[in-house]
PDB file of N, CA and C in Angstrom:
ATOM      1  N   UNK A   1      19.959  -7.504   0.483  1.00  0.00           N
ATOM      2  CA  UNK A   1      19.829  -6.271   1.227  1.00  0.00           C
ATOM      3  C   UNK A   1      18.415  -5.564   1.122  1.00  0.00           C
ATOM      4  N   UNK A   2      17.792  -5.645   0.058  1.00  0.00           N
ATOM      5  CA  UNK A   2      16.576  -5.052  -0.202  1.00  0.00           C
ATOM      6  C   UNK A   2      15.504  -5.727   0.861  1.00  0.00           C
ATOM      7  N   UNK A   3      15.632  -7.091   0.989  1.00  0.00           N
ATOM      8  CA  UNK A   3      14.602  -7.844   1.866  1.00  0.00           C
ATOM      9  C   UNK A   3      14.845  -7.325   3.204  1.00  0.00           C
ATOM     10  N   UNK A   4      15.988  -7.103   3.732  1.00  0.00           N
ATOM     11  CA  UNK A   4      16.149  -6.488   5.085  1.00  0.00           C
ATOM     12  C   UNK A   4      15.531  -5.177   5.189  1.00  0.00           C
ATOM     13  N   UNK A   5      15.659  -4.248   4.305  1.00  0.00           N
ATOM     14  CA  UNK A   5      15.109  -2.918   4.385  1.00  0.00           C
ATOM     15  C   UNK A   5      13.537  -3.123   4.251  1.00  0.00           C
ATOM     16  N   UNK A   6      13.050  -3.921   3.630  1.00  0.00           N
ATOM     17  CA  UNK A   6      11.402  -4.148   3.685  1.00  0.00           C
ATOM     18  C   UNK A   6      10.925  -4.697   5.135  1.00  0.00           C
ATOM     19  N   UNK A   7      11.783  -5.685   5.573  1.00  0.00           N
ATOM     20  CA  UNK A   7      11.327  -6.124   6.964  1.00  0.00           C
ATOM     21  C   UNK A   7      11.631  -5.067   7.812  1.00  0.00           C
ATOM     22  N   UNK A   8      12.620  -4.311   7.842  1.00  0.00           N
ATOM     23  CA  UNK A   8      12.609  -3.136   8.840  1.00  0.00           C
ATOM     24  C   UNK A   8      11.505  -2.084   8.628  1.00  0.00           C
ATOM     25  N   UNK A   9      11.038  -1.770   7.454  1.00  0.00           N
ATOM     26  CA  UNK A   9       9.971  -0.933   7.319  1.00  0.00           C
ATOM     27  C   UNK A   9       8.760  -1.552   8.006  1.00  0.00           C
ATOM     28  N   UNK A  10       8.550  -2.964   7.739  1.00  0.00           N
ATOM     29  CA  UNK A  10       7.363  -3.418   8.213  1.00  0.00           C
ATOM     30  C   UNK A  10       7.289  -3.528   9.765  1.00  0.00           C
ATOM     31  N   UNK A  11       8.654  -3.862  10.436  1.00  0.00           N
ATOM     32  CA  UNK A  11       8.800  -3.929  11.891  1.00  0.00           C
ATOM     33  C   UNK A  11       8.617  -2.511  12.424  1.00  0.00           C
ATOM     34  N   UNK A  12       9.116  -1.360  11.760  1.00  0.00           N
ATOM     35  CA  UNK A  12       8.942   0.040  12.301  1.00  0.00           C
ATOM     36  C   UNK A  12       7.383   0.353  12.347  1.00  0.00           C
ATOM     37  N   UNK A  13       6.794  -0.132  11.298  1.00  0.00           N
ATOM     38  CA  UNK A  13       5.327   0.323  11.102  1.00  0.00           C
ATOM     39  C   UNK A  13       4.417  -0.352  12.341  1.00  0.00           C
ATOM     40  N   UNK A  14       4.822  -1.807  12.558  1.00  0.00           N
ATOM     41  CA  UNK A  14       4.278  -2.326  13.611  1.00  0.00           C
ATOM     42  C   UNK A  14       4.572  -1.659  14.991  1.00  0.00           C
ATOM     43  N   UNK A  15       5.719  -1.287  15.096  1.00  0.00           N
ATOM     44  CA  UNK A  15       6.146  -0.609  16.430  1.00  0.00           C
ATOM     45  C   UNK A  15       5.317   0.780  16.435  1.00  0.00           C
ATOM     46  N   UNK A  16       5.259   1.455  15.609  1.00  0.00           N
ATOM     47  CA  UNK A  16       4.332   2.687  15.655  1.00  0.00           C
ATOM     48  C   UNK A  16       3.083   2.471  16.029  1.00  0.00           C
ATOM     49  N   UNK A  17       2.386   1.300  15.373  1.00  0.00           N
ATOM     50  CA  UNK A  17       0.924   0.995  15.705  1.00  0.00           C
ATOM     51  C   UNK A  17       0.830   0.504  17.109  1.00  0.00           C
ATOM     52  N   UNK A  18       1.775  -0.064  17.664  1.00  0.00           N
ATOM     53  CA  UNK A  18       1.796  -0.616  18.943  1.00  0.00           C
ATOM     54  C   UNK A  18       1.864   0.420  19.871  1.00  0.00           C
ATOM     55  N   UNK A  19       2.744   1.458  19.786  1.00  0.00           N
ATOM     56  CA  UNK A  19       2.955   2.563  20.537  1.00  0.00           C
ATOM     57  C   UNK A  19       1.685   3.429  20.651  1.00  0.00           C
ATOM     58  N   UNK A  20       0.762   3.415  19.665  1.00  0.00           N
ATOM     59  CA  UNK A  20      -0.434   4.281  19.841  1.00  0.00           C
ATOM     60  C   UNK A  20      -1.778   3.421  19.321  1.00  0.00           C
ATOM     61  N   UNK A  21      -1.663   2.143  19.860  1.00  0.00           N
ATOM     62  CA  UNK A  21      -2.674   1.222  19.361  1.00  0.00           C
ATOM     63  C   UNK A  21      -4.188   1.570  19.684  1.00  0.00           C
ATOM     64  N   UNK A  22      -4.254   2.181  20.905  1.00  0.00           N
ATOM     65  CA  UNK A  22      -5.671   2.458  21.210  1.00  0.00           C
ATOM     66  C   UNK A  22      -6.286   3.489  20.204  1.00  0.00           C
ATOM     67  N   UNK A  23      -5.568   4.534  19.781  1.00  0.00           N
ATOM     68  CA  UNK A  23      -6.161   5.531  18.823  1.00  0.00           C
ATOM     69  C   UNK A  23      -6.202   5.000  17.477  1.00  0.00           C
ATOM     70  N   UNK A  24      -5.112   4.305  17.038  1.00  0.00           N
ATOM     71  CA  UNK A  24      -4.853   3.764  15.598  1.00  0.00           C
ATOM     72  C   UNK A  24      -6.135   2.712  15.428  1.00  0.00           C
ATOM     73  N   UNK A  25      -6.532   1.870  16.414  1.00  0.00           N
ATOM     74  CA  UNK A  25      -7.559   0.921  16.054  1.00  0.00           C
ATOM     75  C   UNK A  25      -8.918   1.511  15.658  1.00  0.00           C
ATOM     76  N   UNK A  26      -9.174   2.720  16.256  1.00  0.00           N
ATOM     77  CA  UNK A  26     -10.519   3.404  16.030  1.00  0.00           C
ATOM     78  C   UNK A  26     -10.359   4.426  14.945  1.00  0.00           C
ATOM     79  N   UNK A  27      -9.260   4.664  14.278  1.00  0.00           N
ATOM     80  CA  UNK A  27      -9.050   5.585  13.371  1.00  0.00           C
ATOM     81  C   UNK A  27      -9.378   5.275  11.972  1.00  0.00           C
ATOM     82  N   UNK A  28     -10.409   5.785  11.208  1.00  0.00           N
ATOM     83  CA  UNK A  28     -11.007   5.424   9.876  1.00  0.00           C
ATOM     84  C   UNK A  28      -9.679   5.664   8.864  1.00  0.00           C
ATOM     85  N   UNK A  29      -8.965   6.661   9.054  1.00  0.00           N
ATOM     86  CA  UNK A  29      -7.840   7.013   8.184  1.00  0.00           C
ATOM     87  C   UNK A  29      -6.821   5.704   8.177  1.00  0.00           C
ATOM     88  N   UNK A  30      -6.483   5.217   9.363  1.00  0.00           N
ATOM     89  CA  UNK A  30      -5.458   4.174   9.485  1.00  0.00           C
ATOM     90  C   UNK A  30      -6.123   2.843   9.014  1.00  0.00           C
ATOM     91  N   UNK A  31      -7.419   2.587   9.029  1.00  0.00           N
ATOM     92  CA  UNK A  31      -8.021   1.505   8.380  1.00  0.00           C
ATOM     93  C   UNK A  31      -8.099   1.694   6.672  1.00  0.00           C
ATOM     94  N   UNK A  32      -8.211   2.915   6.321  1.00  0.00           N
ATOM     95  CA  UNK A  32      -8.219   3.083   4.965  1.00  0.00           C
ATOM     96  C   UNK A  32      -6.758   2.838   4.353  1.00  0.00           C
ATOM     97  N   UNK A  33      -5.744   3.092   5.227  1.00  0.00           N
ATOM     98  CA  UNK A  33      -4.353   2.946   4.846  1.00  0.00           C
ATOM     99  C   UNK A  33      -4.134   1.301   4.893  1.00  0.00           C
ATOM    100  N   UNK A  34      -4.613   0.590   5.860  1.00  0.00           N
ATOM    101  CA  UNK A  34      -4.356  -0.878   5.828  1.00  0.00           C
ATOM    102  C   UNK A  34      -5.039  -1.401   4.639  1.00  0.00           C
ATOM    103  N   UNK A  35      -6.173  -1.061   4.370  1.00  0.00           N
ATOM    104  CA  UNK A  35      -6.998  -1.608   3.093  1.00  0.00           C
ATOM    105  C   UNK A  35      -6.219  -1.289   1.906  1.00  0.00           C
ATOM    106  N   UNK A  36      -5.743  -0.034   1.758  1.00  0.00           N
ATOM    107  CA  UNK A  36      -4.977   0.159   0.560  1.00  0.00           C
ATOM    108  C   UNK A  36      -3.759  -0.770   0.541  1.00  0.00           C
ATOM    109  N   UNK A  37      -2.971  -1.016   1.464  1.00  0.00           N
ATOM    110  CA  UNK A  37      -1.955  -1.990   1.538  1.00  0.00           C
ATOM    111  C   UNK A  37      -2.285  -3.151   1.096  1.00  0.00           C
ATOM    112  N   UNK A  38      -3.375  -3.787   1.803  1.00  0.00           N
ATOM    113  CA  UNK A  38      -3.817  -5.186   1.485  1.00  0.00           C
ATOM    114  C   UNK A  38      -4.090  -5.316   0.034  1.00  0.00           C
ATOM    115  N   UNK A  39      -5.026  -4.265  -0.623  1.00  0.00           N
ATOM    116  CA  UNK A  39      -5.116  -4.239  -2.013  1.00  0.00           C
ATOM    117  C   UNK A  39      -3.920  -4.129  -2.882  1.00  0.00           C
ATOM    118  N   UNK A  40      -3.026  -3.530  -2.414  1.00  0.00           N
ATOM    119  CA  UNK A  40      -1.727  -3.362  -3.303  1.00  0.00           C
ATOM    120  C   UNK A  40      -0.993  -4.706  -3.366  1.00  0.00           C
ATOM    121  N   UNK A  41      -1.041  -5.500  -2.079  1.00  0.00           N
ATOM    122  CA  UNK A  41      -0.467  -6.787  -2.154  1.00  0.00           C
ATOM    123  C   UNK A  41      -1.215  -7.749  -2.890  1.00  0.00           C
ATOM    124  N   UNK A  42      -2.368  -7.716  -2.905  1.00  0.00           N
ATOM    125  CA  UNK A  42      -3.289  -8.690  -3.720  1.00  0.00           C
ATOM    126  C   UNK A  42      -2.925  -8.153  -5.246  1.00  0.00           C
ATOM    127  N   UNK A  43      -3.017  -7.030  -5.658  1.00  0.00           N
ATOM    128  CA  UNK A  43      -2.626  -6.601  -6.844  1.00  0.00           C
ATOM    129  C   UNK A  43      -1.191  -7.054  -7.328  1.00  0.00           C
ATOM    130  N   UNK A  44      -0.260  -7.255  -6.410  1.00  0.00           N
ATOM    131  CA  UNK A  44       1.019  -7.619  -6.769  1.00  0.00           C
ATOM    132  C   UNK A  44       0.999  -9.086  -6.890  1.00  0.00           C
ATOM    133  N   UNK A  45      -0.027  -9.948  -6.415  1.00  0.00           N
ATOM    134  CA  UNK A  45       0.067 -11.379  -6.693  1.00  0.00           C
ATOM    135  C   UNK A  45      -0.482 -11.440  -8.189  1.00  0.00           C
ATOM    136  N   UNK A  46      -1.441 -10.579  -8.702  1.00  0.00           N
ATOM    137  CA  UNK A  46      -1.790 -10.550 -10.002  1.00  0.00           C
ATOM    138  C   UNK A  46      -0.764 -10.272 -10.983  1.00  0.00           C
ATOM    139  N   UNK A  47      -0.010  -9.222 -10.587  1.00  0.00           N
ATOM    140  CA  UNK A  47       1.091  -8.768 -11.548  1.00  0.00           C
ATOM    141  C   UNK A  47       2.168 -10.118 -11.575  1.00  0.00           C
ATOM    142  N   UNK A  48       2.575 -10.738 -10.473  1.00  0.00           N
ATOM    143  CA  UNK A  48       3.317 -11.690 -10.548  1.00  0.00           C
ATOM    144  C   UNK A  48       2.851 -12.998 -11.398  1.00  0.00           C
ATOM    145  N   UNK A  49       1.696 -13.237 -11.222  1.00  0.00           N
ATOM    146  CA  UNK A  49       1.159 -14.335 -11.932  1.00  0.00           C
ATOM    147  C   UNK A  49       1.112 -14.045 -13.404  1.00  0.00           C
ATOM    148  N   UNK A  50       0.866 -12.897 -13.768  1.00  0.00           N
ATOM    149  CA  UNK A  50       0.928 -12.359 -15.221  1.00  0.00           C
ATOM    150  C   UNK A  50       2.341 -12.387 -15.794  1.00  0.00           C
ATOM    151  N   UNK A  51       3.332 -12.175 -15.000  1.00  0.00           N
ATOM    152  CA  UNK A  51       4.728 -12.142 -15.565  1.00  0.00           C
ATOM    153  C   UNK A  51       5.142 -13.638 -15.527  1.00  0.00           C
ATOM    154  N   UNK A  52       4.930 -14.504 -14.495  1.00  0.00           N
ATOM    155  CA  UNK A  52       5.295 -15.894 -14.488  1.00  0.00           C
ATOM    156  C   UNK A  52       4.591 -16.792 -15.624  1.00  0.00           C
ATOM    157  N   UNK A  53       3.209 -16.332 -15.911  1.00  0.00           N
ATOM    158  CA  UNK A  53       2.432 -17.159 -16.670  1.00  0.00           C
ATOM    159  C   UNK A  53       2.833 -16.988 -18.275  1.00  0.00           C
ATOM    160  N   UNK A  54       3.825 -16.325 -18.584  1.00  0.00           N
ATOM    161  CA  UNK A  54       4.319 -16.088 -20.030  1.00  0.00           C
ATOM    162  C   UNK A  54       3.650 -14.993 -20.476  1.00  0.00           C
ATOM    163  N   UNK A  55       3.039 -13.979 -19.769  1.00  0.00           N
ATOM    164  CA  UNK A  55       2.490 -12.824 -20.230  1.00  0.00           C
ATOM    165  C   UNK A  55       3.371 -11.763 -20.539  1.00  0.00           C
ATOM    166  N   UNK A  56       4.576 -12.074 -20.723  1.00  0.00           N
ATOM    167  CA  UNK A  56       5.726 -10.979 -21.042  1.00  0.00           C
ATOM    168  C   UNK A  56       6.061 -11.062 -22.476  1.00  0.00           C
ATOM    169  N   UNK A  57       5.365 -11.746 -23.301  1.00  0.00           N
ATOM    170  CA  UNK A  57       5.839 -11.647 -24.749  1.00  0.00           C
ATOM    171  C   UNK A  57       5.761 -10.352 -25.353  1.00  0.00           C
ATOM    172  N   UNK A  58       4.847  -9.452 -24.907  1.00  0.00           N
ATOM    173  CA  UNK A  58       4.736  -8.000 -25.295  1.00  0.00           C
ATOM    174  C   UNK A  58       5.828  -7.296 -24.970  1.00  0.00           C
ATOM    175  N   UNK A  59       6.688  -7.668 -24.012  1.00  0.00           N
ATOM    176  CA  UNK A  59       7.930  -6.892 -23.605  1.00  0.00           C
ATOM    177  C   UNK A  59       9.126  -7.341 -24.625  1.00  0.00           C
ATOM    178  N   UNK A  60       9.016  -8.511 -24.967  1.00  0.00           N
ATOM    179  CA  UNK A  60      10.169  -9.007 -25.861  1.00  0.00           C
ATOM    180  C   UNK A  60       9.942  -8.563 -27.302  1.00  0.00           C
ATOM    181  N   UNK A  61       8.512  -8.516 -27.648  1.00  0.00           N
ATOM    182  CA  UNK A  61       8.320  -8.125 -29.159  1.00  0.00           C
ATOM    183  C   UNK A  61       8.148  -6.631 -29.203  1.00  0.00           C
ATOM    184  N   UNK A  62       8.039  -5.888 -28.088  1.00  0.00           N
ATOM    185  CA  UNK A  62       8.046  -4.512 -28.104  1.00  0.00           C
ATOM    186  C   UNK A  62       6.695  -3.879 -28.752  1.00  0.00           C
ATOM    187  N   UNK A  63       5.606  -4.764 -28.418  1.00  0.00           N
ATOM    188  CA  UNK A  63       4.219  -4.380 -28.713  1.00  0.00           C
ATOM    189  C   UNK A  63       3.727  -3.408 -27.696  1.00  0.00           C
ATOM    190  N   UNK A  64       2.584  -2.812 -27.960  1.00  0.00           N
ATOM    191  CA  UNK A  64       1.967  -1.962 -27.156  1.00  0.00           C
ATOM    192  C   UNK A  64       1.586  -2.858 -25.876  1.00  0.00           C
ATOM    193  N   UNK A  65       1.758  -1.953 -24.687  1.00  0.00           N
ATOM    194  CA  UNK A  65       1.357  -2.656 -23.356  1.00  0.00           C
ATOM    195  C   UNK A  65      -0.075  -3.041 -23.391  1.00  0.00           C
ATOM    196  N   UNK A  66      -0.291  -4.275 -23.207  1.00  0.00           N
ATOM    197  CA  UNK A  66      -1.706  -4.689 -22.883  1.00  0.00           C
ATOM    198  C   UNK A  66      -2.518  -3.986 -21.913  1.00  0.00           C
ATOM    199  N   UNK A  67      -3.917  -3.895 -22.258  1.00  0.00           N
ATOM    200  CA  UNK A  67      -4.571  -3.146 -21.154  1.00  0.00           C
ATOM    201  C   UNK A  67      -4.704  -3.695 -19.872  1.00  0.00           C
ATOM    202  N   UNK A  68      -4.512  -5.055 -19.723  1.00  0.00           N
ATOM    203  CA  UNK A  68      -4.482  -5.745 -18.485  1.00  0.00           C
ATOM    204  C   UNK A  68      -3.186  -5.292 -17.662  1.00  0.00           C
ATOM    205  N   UNK A  69      -2.152  -4.996 -18.327  1.00  0.00           N
ATOM    206  CA  UNK A  69      -0.962  -4.618 -17.607  1.00  0.00           C
ATOM    207  C   UNK A  69      -1.237  -3.239 -17.127  1.00  0.00           C
ATOM    208  N   UNK A  70      -1.788  -2.401 -18.030  1.00  0.00           N
ATOM    209  CA  UNK A  70      -1.933  -0.914 -17.758  1.00  0.00           C
ATOM    210  C   UNK A  70      -2.948  -0.824 -16.507  1.00  0.00           C
ATOM    211  N   UNK A  71      -3.917  -1.662 -16.530  1.00  0.00           N
ATOM    212  CA  UNK A  71      -4.823  -1.702 -15.273  1.00  0.00           C
ATOM    213  C   UNK A  71      -4.276  -1.951 -14.066  1.00  0.00           C
ATOM    214  N   UNK A  72      -3.333  -3.167 -14.013  1.00  0.00           N
ATOM    215  CA  UNK A  72      -2.622  -3.506 -12.859  1.00  0.00           C
ATOM    216  C   UNK A  72      -1.612  -2.583 -12.467  1.00  0.00           C
ATOM    217  N   UNK A  73      -0.902  -1.879 -13.341  1.00  0.00           N
ATOM    218  CA  UNK A  73       0.065  -0.807 -12.917  1.00  0.00           C
ATOM    219  C   UNK A  73      -0.802   0.490 -12.406  1.00  0.00           C
ATOM    220  N   UNK A  74      -1.825   0.862 -13.019  1.00  0.00           N
ATOM    221  CA  UNK A  74      -2.578   2.028 -12.465  1.00  0.00           C
ATOM    222  C   UNK A  74      -3.175   1.652 -11.130  1.00  0.00           C
ATOM    223  N   UNK A  75      -3.795   0.407 -10.839  1.00  0.00           N
ATOM    224  CA  UNK A  75      -4.269  -0.017  -9.709  1.00  0.00           C
ATOM    225  C   UNK A  75      -3.170   0.079  -8.576  1.00  0.00           C
ATOM    226  N   UNK A  76      -1.974  -0.326  -8.927  1.00  0.00           N
ATOM    227  CA  UNK A  76      -0.878  -0.356  -8.078  1.00  0.00           C
ATOM    228  C   UNK A  76      -0.496   1.096  -7.573  1.00  0.00           C
ATOM    229  N   UNK A  77      -0.398   1.953  -8.510  1.00  0.00           N
ATOM    230  CA  UNK A  77      -0.110   3.335  -8.147  1.00  0.00           C
ATOM    231  C   UNK A  77      -1.202   3.876  -7.400  1.00  0.00           C
ATOM    232  N   UNK A  78      -2.458   3.685  -7.772  1.00  0.00           N
ATOM    233  CA  UNK A  78      -3.511   4.087  -6.889  1.00  0.00           C
ATOM    234  C   UNK A  78      -3.551   3.691  -5.438  1.00  0.00           C
ATOM    235  N   UNK A  79      -3.292   2.269  -5.336  1.00  0.00           N
ATOM    236  CA  UNK A  79      -3.226   1.794  -3.928  1.00  0.00           C
ATOM    237  C   UNK A  79      -2.086   2.268  -3.023  1.00  0.00           C
ATOM    238  N   UNK A  80      -0.926   2.381  -3.601  1.00  0.00           N
ATOM    239  CA  UNK A  80       0.268   2.933  -2.907  1.00  0.00           C
ATOM    240  C   UNK A  80       0.089   4.381  -2.604  1.00  0.00           C
ATOM    241  N   UNK A  81      -0.384   5.226  -3.552  1.00  0.00           N
ATOM    242  CA  UNK A  81      -0.661   6.794  -3.241  1.00  0.00           C
ATOM    243  C   UNK A  81      -1.796   6.755  -2.185  1.00  0.00           C
ATOM    244  N   UNK A  82      -2.606   6.122  -2.179  1.00  0.00           N
ATOM    245  CA  UNK A  82      -3.669   6.141  -1.274  1.00  0.00           C
ATOM    246  C   UNK A  82      -3.042   5.724   0.291  1.00  0.00           C
ATOM    247  N   UNK A  83      -2.249   4.753   0.178  1.00  0.00           N
ATOM    248  CA  UNK A  83      -1.746   4.244   1.492  1.00  0.00           C
ATOM    249  C   UNK A  83      -0.680   5.298   1.971  1.00  0.00           C
ATOM    250  N   UNK A  84      -0.025   5.900   1.115  1.00  0.00           N
ATOM    251  CA  UNK A  84       0.891   6.981   1.643  1.00  0.00           C
ATOM    252  C   UNK A  84       0.158   8.322   2.145  1.00  0.00           C
ATOM    253  N   UNK A  85      -0.796   8.607   1.316  1.00  0.00           N
ATOM    254  CA  UNK A  85      -1.565   9.738   1.759  1.00  0.00           C
ATOM    255  C   UNK A  85      -2.209   9.474   3.095  1.00  0.00           C
ATOM    256  N   UNK A  86      -2.908   8.310   3.182  1.00  0.00           N
ATOM    257  CA  UNK A  86      -3.564   8.030   4.461  1.00  0.00           C
ATOM    258  C   UNK A  86      -2.584   8.079   5.703  1.00  0.00           C
ATOM    259  N   UNK A  87      -1.514   7.420   5.484  1.00  0.00           N
ATOM    260  CA  UNK A  87      -0.349   7.341   6.444  1.00  0.00           C
ATOM    261  C   UNK A  87      -0.063   8.918   6.970  1.00  0.00           C
ATOM    262  N   UNK A  88       0.049   9.588   5.952  1.00  0.00           N
ATOM    263  CA  UNK A  88       0.492  11.145   6.409  1.00  0.00           C
ATOM    264  C   UNK A  88      -0.643  11.704   7.182  1.00  0.00           C
ATOM    265  N   UNK A  89      -2.029  11.394   6.671  1.00  0.00           N
ATOM    266  CA  UNK A  89      -3.148  12.122   7.296  1.00  0.00           C
ATOM    267  C   UNK A  89      -3.614  11.454   8.605  1.00  0.00           C
ATOM    268  N   UNK A  90      -2.870  10.316   9.127  1.00  0.00           N
ATOM    269  CA  UNK A  90      -3.282   9.919  10.487  1.00  0.00           C
ATOM    270  C   UNK A  90      -2.955  10.829  11.511  1.00  0.00           C
ATOM    271  N   UNK A  91      -1.943  11.647  11.238  1.00  0.00           N
ATOM    272  CA  UNK A  91      -1.485  12.734  12.248  1.00  0.00           C
ATOM    273  C   UNK A  91      -2.410  13.809  12.382  1.00  0.00           C
ATOM    274  N   UNK A  92      -3.363  13.993  11.385  1.00  0.00           N
ATOM    275  CA  UNK A  92      -4.050  15.275  11.172  1.00  0.00           C
ATOM    276  C   UNK A  92      -5.443  15.011  11.231  1.00  0.00           C
ATOM    277  N   UNK A  93      -5.952  13.895  10.968  1.00  0.00           N
ATOM    278  CA  UNK A  93      -7.323  13.506  10.942  1.00  0.00           C
ATOM    279  C   UNK A  93      -7.759  12.229  11.811  1.00  0.00           C
ATOM    280  N   UNK A  94      -9.067  11.992  12.042  1.00  0.00           N
ATOM    281  CA  UNK A  94      -9.396  10.938  12.687  1.00  0.00           C
ATOM    282  C   UNK A  94      -9.167  10.993  14.263  1.00  0.00           C
ATOM    283  N   UNK A  95      -9.189   9.778  14.989  1.00  0.00           N
ATOM    284  CA  UNK A  95      -9.084   9.647  16.377  1.00  0.00           C
ATOM    285  C   UNK A  95      -7.822  10.158  16.919  1.00  0.00           C
ATOM    286  N   UNK A  96      -6.762   9.757  16.127  1.00  0.00           N
ATOM    287  CA  UNK A  96      -5.557  10.141  16.597  1.00  0.00           C
ATOM    288  C   UNK A  96      -5.281  11.463  16.708  1.00  0.00           C
ATOM    289  N   UNK A  97      -5.734  12.452  15.844  1.00  0.00           N
ATOM    290  CA  UNK A  97      -5.635  13.648  15.868  1.00  0.00           C
ATOM    291  C   UNK A  97      -6.412  14.234  17.024  1.00  0.00           C
ATOM    292  N   UNK A  98      -7.593  13.757  17.237  1.00  0.00           N
ATOM    293  CA  UNK A  98      -8.652  14.311  18.455  1.00  0.00           C
ATOM    294  C   UNK A  98      -7.813  14.195  19.673  1.00  0.00           C
ATOM    295  N   UNK A  99      -7.093  12.919  19.891  1.00  0.00           N
ATOM    296  CA  UNK A  99      -6.490  12.478  21.085  1.00  0.00           C
ATOM    297  C   UNK A  99      -5.390  13.492  21.500  1.00  0.00           C
ATOM    298  N   UNK A 100      -4.844  13.939  20.378  1.00  0.00           N
ATOM    299  CA  UNK A 100      -3.763  14.752  20.630  1.00  0.00           C
ATOM    300  C   UNK A 100      -4.051  16.189  20.570  1.00  0.00           C
ATOM    301  N   UNK A 101      -5.312  16.634  20.445  1.00  0.00           N
ATOM    302  CA  UNK A 101      -5.770  17.966  20.554  1.00  0.00           C
ATOM    303  C   UNK A 101      -5.876  18.424  19.273  1.00  0.00           C
ATOM    304  N   UNK A 102      -6.183  17.815  18.237  1.00  0.00           N
ATOM    305  CA  UNK A 102      -6.127  18.297  16.747  1.00  0.00           C
ATOM    306  C   UNK A 102      -7.705  18.588  16.437  1.00  0.00           C
ATOM    307  N   UNK A 103      -8.051  18.756  15.181  1.00  0.00           N
ATOM    308  CA  UNK A 103      -9.380  19.214  14.903  1.00  0.00           C
ATOM    309  C   UNK A 103     -10.433  18.364  15.399  1.00  0.00           C
TER     310      UNK A 103
END
């Protein structure tokens, strides 16, 4: 079920970009969003490698969370917050806003 929802989100995002491609492709805010998503996905690869490589013994032993795990979690939060914020700002800043009569 979750996989279908993720696919639908990706497809709707692609449809929105295609609908206004000429303005999105020149918008710096849009490219900031894309970079944040790309970094978040790379970060996910590191998180998965850490979990698969047996780096979860701290969870079983209930020890303090290692700094490496904290950094990955913080990076994930930062990347997704940046992507969400940039996504909202595409309507108000950059080429898309200018094309629609904005600031």
